[in-house]
């Protein structure tokens, strides 16, 4: 799994970017904070279309915006750089690159904006995969082994690496992820605690098929 970096200014506006990266989740949350409420219905996205047209004199369709938030039922997993630029400019940034740069500089200090979507280990079946992400650009896929144990299968930009195992009872957006009995294969130690998203919590949390 490849996480695109912050140097997107080098790429054209029609470039496609994976929707599930933590930076896009953070952008969505900032847009909602700017509006004062979450985007949960088709009408909410229609309203955002109007707001963007008023602020930037640029048209972005509601279906395109729904694609960014994952509201679309068509299963899109990428969004265009142009759309991200427009959303970032709408809330006061110079564009997507500027948004990502400032997010990295502040380490995403707008933690109060995060919701509390959560997944309990008791709801999982052995073999289930979770994709988790946290600021500034960390992303990992973990597989449930049963008995509250997980193994990392793919990690990007993270201290945790594929093969590391840990114990966890709860995953929640906006909350730090505490992994106990953390075991890295290279040292055999299993009594450590590893904390992901210590300042701002998880920004990405979703069940996945295990693919990268």
Protein backbone atom coordinates (compact mmCIF):
# COMPACT_ATOMS: atom_id res chain seq x y z
CA UNK A 1 0.00 0.00 0.00
CA UNK A 2 1.46 3.37 -1.07
CA UNK A 3 0.76 6.53 0.87
CA UNK A 4 1.29 9.63 -1.27
CA UNK A 5 3.44 12.29 0.35
CA UNK A 6 3.00 16.03 0.74
CA UNK A 7 4.69 17.15 -2.47
CA UNK A 8 1.49 16.98 -4.50
CA UNK A 9 2.03 20.42 -5.97
CA UNK A 10 4.16 18.68 -8.58
CA UNK A 11 1.20 16.74 -9.91
CA UNK A 12 -1.74 17.73 -12.13
CA UNK A 13 -5.20 18.45 -10.74
CA UNK A 14 -6.64 15.29 -12.29
CA UNK A 15 -4.31 13.08 -10.24
CA UNK A 16 -6.18 10.42 -8.25
CA UNK A 17 -5.40 9.98 -4.55
CA UNK A 18 -6.43 7.11 -2.29
CA UNK A 19 -9.41 8.23 -0.23
CA UNK A 20 -8.54 6.31 2.92
CA UNK A 21 -5.37 8.20 3.89
CA UNK A 22 -5.48 10.03 7.27
CA UNK A 23 -4.97 13.47 5.72
CA UNK A 24 -8.23 13.24 3.76
CA UNK A 25 -10.11 12.16 6.87
CA UNK A 26 -8.65 15.17 8.69
CA UNK A 27 -9.70 17.46 5.81
CA UNK A 28 -13.28 16.15 5.95
CA UNK A 29 -13.41 16.77 9.67
CA UNK A 30 -12.13 20.33 9.25
CA UNK A 31 -14.72 21.03 6.55
CA UNK A 32 -17.44 19.78 8.91
CA UNK A 33 -16.03 21.92 11.73
CA UNK A 34 -16.07 24.91 9.36
CA UNK A 35 -19.77 24.24 8.62
CA UNK A 36 -20.60 23.57 12.25
CA UNK A 37 -22.11 20.13 11.62
CA UNK A 38 -21.40 16.76 10.02
CA UNK A 39 -22.27 15.80 6.47
CA UNK A 40 -24.64 12.85 6.83
CA UNK A 41 -27.27 13.22 4.11
CA UNK A 42 -27.47 13.98 0.39
CA UNK A 43 -28.96 17.37 1.25
CA UNK A 44 -25.90 18.19 3.40
CA UNK A 45 -23.69 17.73 0.34
CA UNK A 46 -26.00 19.86 -1.80
CA UNK A 47 -25.63 22.62 0.79
CA UNK A 48 -21.84 22.30 0.69
CA UNK A 49 -21.94 22.63 -3.11
CA UNK A 50 -23.73 25.96 -2.71
CA UNK A 51 -21.33 27.15 -0.02
CA UNK A 52 -18.30 26.37 -2.18
CA UNK A 53 -19.83 28.15 -5.17
CA UNK A 54 -20.38 31.24 -3.02
CA UNK A 55 -16.91 31.25 -1.47
CA UNK A 56 -14.79 30.26 -4.49
CA UNK A 57 -17.08 30.61 -7.52
CA UNK A 58 -16.13 27.03 -8.37
CA UNK A 59 -18.58 24.18 -8.98
CA UNK A 60 -18.00 20.75 -7.44
CA UNK A 61 -20.90 18.33 -7.81
CA UNK A 62 -22.51 16.77 -4.76
CA UNK A 63 -21.65 13.30 -6.09
CA UNK A 64 -17.96 14.26 -6.17
CA UNK A 65 -18.13 15.49 -2.58
CA UNK A 66 -19.95 12.33 -1.50
CA UNK A 67 -17.08 10.38 -3.02
CA UNK A 68 -14.58 12.15 -0.73
CA UNK A 69 -16.63 11.38 2.40
CA UNK A 70 -17.29 7.78 1.34
CA UNK A 71 -21.02 8.51 1.24
CA UNK A 72 -21.29 7.31 -2.36
CA UNK A 73 -22.54 3.75 -2.80
CA UNK A 74 -20.52 3.27 -5.98
CA UNK A 75 -17.47 2.10 -4.08
CA UNK A 76 -14.99 4.78 -5.18
CA UNK A 77 -11.67 4.55 -3.36
CA UNK A 78 -9.89 7.53 -4.96
CA UNK A 79 -10.54 11.26 -5.26
CA UNK A 80 -8.98 13.89 -7.52
CA UNK A 81 -6.39 16.40 -6.39
CA UNK A 82 -8.58 19.17 -7.84
CA UNK A 83 -11.39 18.27 -5.44
CA UNK A 84 -9.03 18.25 -2.45
CA UNK A 85 -7.59 21.62 -3.52
CA UNK A 86 -11.08 23.13 -3.67
CA UNK A 87 -12.08 21.78 -0.25
CA UNK A 88 -8.85 23.02 1.33
CA UNK A 89 -9.25 26.46 -0.24
CA UNK A 90 -12.87 26.61 0.92
CA UNK A 91 -11.77 26.43 4.55
CA UNK A 92 -8.94 28.93 4.21
CA UNK A 93 -5.87 27.05 3.00
CA UNK A 94 -3.95 27.72 -0.22
CA UNK A 95 -4.71 24.19 -1.36
CA UNK A 96 -4.23 20.52 -0.53
CA UNK A 97 -0.43 20.80 -0.23
CA UNK A 98 -0.74 23.75 2.14
CA UNK A 99 -3.33 21.88 4.22
CA UNK A 100 -1.09 18.81 4.53
CA UNK A 101 1.97 20.91 5.37
CA UNK A 102 0.19 22.76 8.16
CA UNK A 103 -1.31 19.50 9.41
CA UNK A 104 2.19 18.10 9.73
CA UNK A 105 3.49 21.27 11.41
CA UNK A 106 0.76 21.22 14.05
CA UNK A 107 0.61 17.42 14.23
CA UNK A 108 -3.14 17.73 13.71
CA UNK A 109 -3.86 19.62 16.91
CA UNK A 110 -7.57 19.98 16.03
CA UNK A 111 -8.29 16.83 17.97
CA UNK A 112 -11.60 18.08 19.32
CA UNK A 113 -13.13 17.68 15.85
CA UNK A 114 -12.81 13.93 15.70
CA UNK A 115 -15.88 11.76 16.12
CA UNK A 116 -15.98 8.57 18.16
CA UNK A 117 -16.70 5.85 15.61
CA UNK A 118 -15.38 2.68 17.17
CA UNK A 119 -14.89 -1.05 16.71
CA UNK A 120 -14.78 -3.41 19.65
CA UNK A 121 -12.63 -6.52 19.47
CA UNK A 122 -15.65 -8.52 20.66
CA UNK A 123 -17.39 -7.61 17.38
CA UNK A 124 -14.61 -9.09 15.22
CA UNK A 125 -14.15 -12.58 13.85
CA UNK A 126 -10.80 -14.33 13.68
CA UNK A 127 -9.21 -13.41 10.37
CA UNK A 128 -10.89 -9.99 10.06
CA UNK A 129 -8.69 -7.14 8.86
CA UNK A 130 -8.74 -3.52 10.06
CA UNK A 131 -7.13 -0.54 8.37
CA UNK A 132 -6.04 2.08 10.89
CA UNK A 133 -4.39 5.44 10.38
CA UNK A 134 -3.19 8.35 12.45
CA UNK A 135 -1.43 11.67 11.91
CA UNK A 136 0.62 12.81 10.26
CA UNK A 137 0.68 10.02 7.64
CA UNK A 138 0.69 6.63 9.43
CA UNK A 139 -1.32 3.75 7.98
CA UNK A 140 -1.41 0.07 8.98
CA UNK A 141 -3.48 -3.01 8.21
CA UNK A 142 -3.85 -5.48 11.08
CA UNK A 143 -5.41 -8.96 11.19
CA UNK A 144 -7.39 -10.30 14.14
CA UNK A 145 -5.90 -13.52 15.54
CA UNK A 146 -8.55 -14.14 18.19
CA UNK A 147 -8.34 -13.76 21.96
CA UNK A 148 -7.89 -9.97 21.59
CA UNK A 149 -4.61 -10.44 19.66
CA UNK A 150 -3.68 -8.78 16.36
CA UNK A 151 -0.82 -8.98 13.91
CA UNK A 152 0.25 -6.13 11.61
CA UNK A 153 0.27 -7.24 7.98
CA UNK A 154 1.18 -4.00 6.22
CA UNK A 155 2.46 -0.68 7.61
CA UNK A 156 3.48 2.62 6.08
CA UNK A 157 5.43 5.43 7.78
CA UNK A 158 5.00 3.76 11.17
CA UNK A 159 7.25 2.40 13.91
CA UNK A 160 4.99 -0.65 13.94
CA UNK A 161 5.94 -3.04 11.16
CA UNK A 162 4.47 -6.10 9.47
CA UNK A 163 4.75 -9.10 11.80
CA UNK A 164 4.41 -7.12 15.03
CA UNK A 165 1.68 -8.47 17.32
CA UNK A 166 -0.29 -6.83 20.11
CA UNK A 167 -3.35 -7.05 22.34
CA UNK A 168 -6.20 -4.54 22.05
CA UNK A 169 -9.85 -4.39 23.15
CA UNK A 170 -11.13 -1.25 21.42
CA UNK A 171 -10.38 0.92 18.37
CA UNK A 172 -11.97 4.40 18.26
CA UNK A 173 -11.67 7.36 15.93
CA UNK A 174 -10.30 10.36 17.82
CA UNK A 175 -8.88 8.24 20.63
CA UNK A 176 -5.29 6.96 21.07
CA UNK A 177 -4.86 3.27 20.27
CA UNK A 178 -3.23 1.47 23.21
CA UNK A 179 -1.58 -1.79 22.19
CA UNK A 180 -0.40 -3.93 25.06
CA UNK A 181 1.78 -7.05 25.01
CA UNK A 182 3.44 -5.50 21.96
CA UNK A 183 5.84 -7.95 20.40
CA UNK A 184 8.29 -7.12 17.61
CA UNK A 185 9.70 -10.34 16.05
CA UNK A 186 13.25 -8.95 16.01
CA UNK A 187 13.56 -8.68 19.80
CA UNK A 188 11.03 -11.17 21.16
CA UNK A 189 9.86 -8.73 23.83
CA UNK A 190 6.14 -9.02 24.60
CA UNK A 191 5.62 -6.81 27.65
CA UNK A 192 5.76 -3.40 25.99
CA UNK A 193 2.92 -0.95 25.32
CA UNK A 194 2.76 0.89 21.99
CA UNK A 195 0.50 3.93 21.57
CA UNK A 196 -0.66 5.08 18.14
CA UNK A 197 -2.11 8.57 17.73
CA UNK A 198 -1.15 9.63 21.24
CA UNK A 199 -2.08 13.30 20.72
CA UNK A 200 -5.02 13.14 18.34
CA UNK A 201 -6.13 9.52 18.17
CA UNK A 202 -6.96 7.44 15.12
CA UNK A 203 -8.11 9.26 11.99
CA UNK A 204 -8.83 6.13 9.92
CA UNK A 205 -10.67 3.03 11.08
CA UNK A 206 -12.34 0.57 8.75
CA UNK A 207 -12.86 -3.10 8.12
CA UNK A 208 -11.05 -4.24 5.00
CA UNK A 209 -10.48 -7.40 2.99
CA UNK A 210 -6.77 -7.32 3.84
CA UNK A 211 -5.66 -5.97 0.50
CA UNK A 212 -3.15 -3.17 0.29
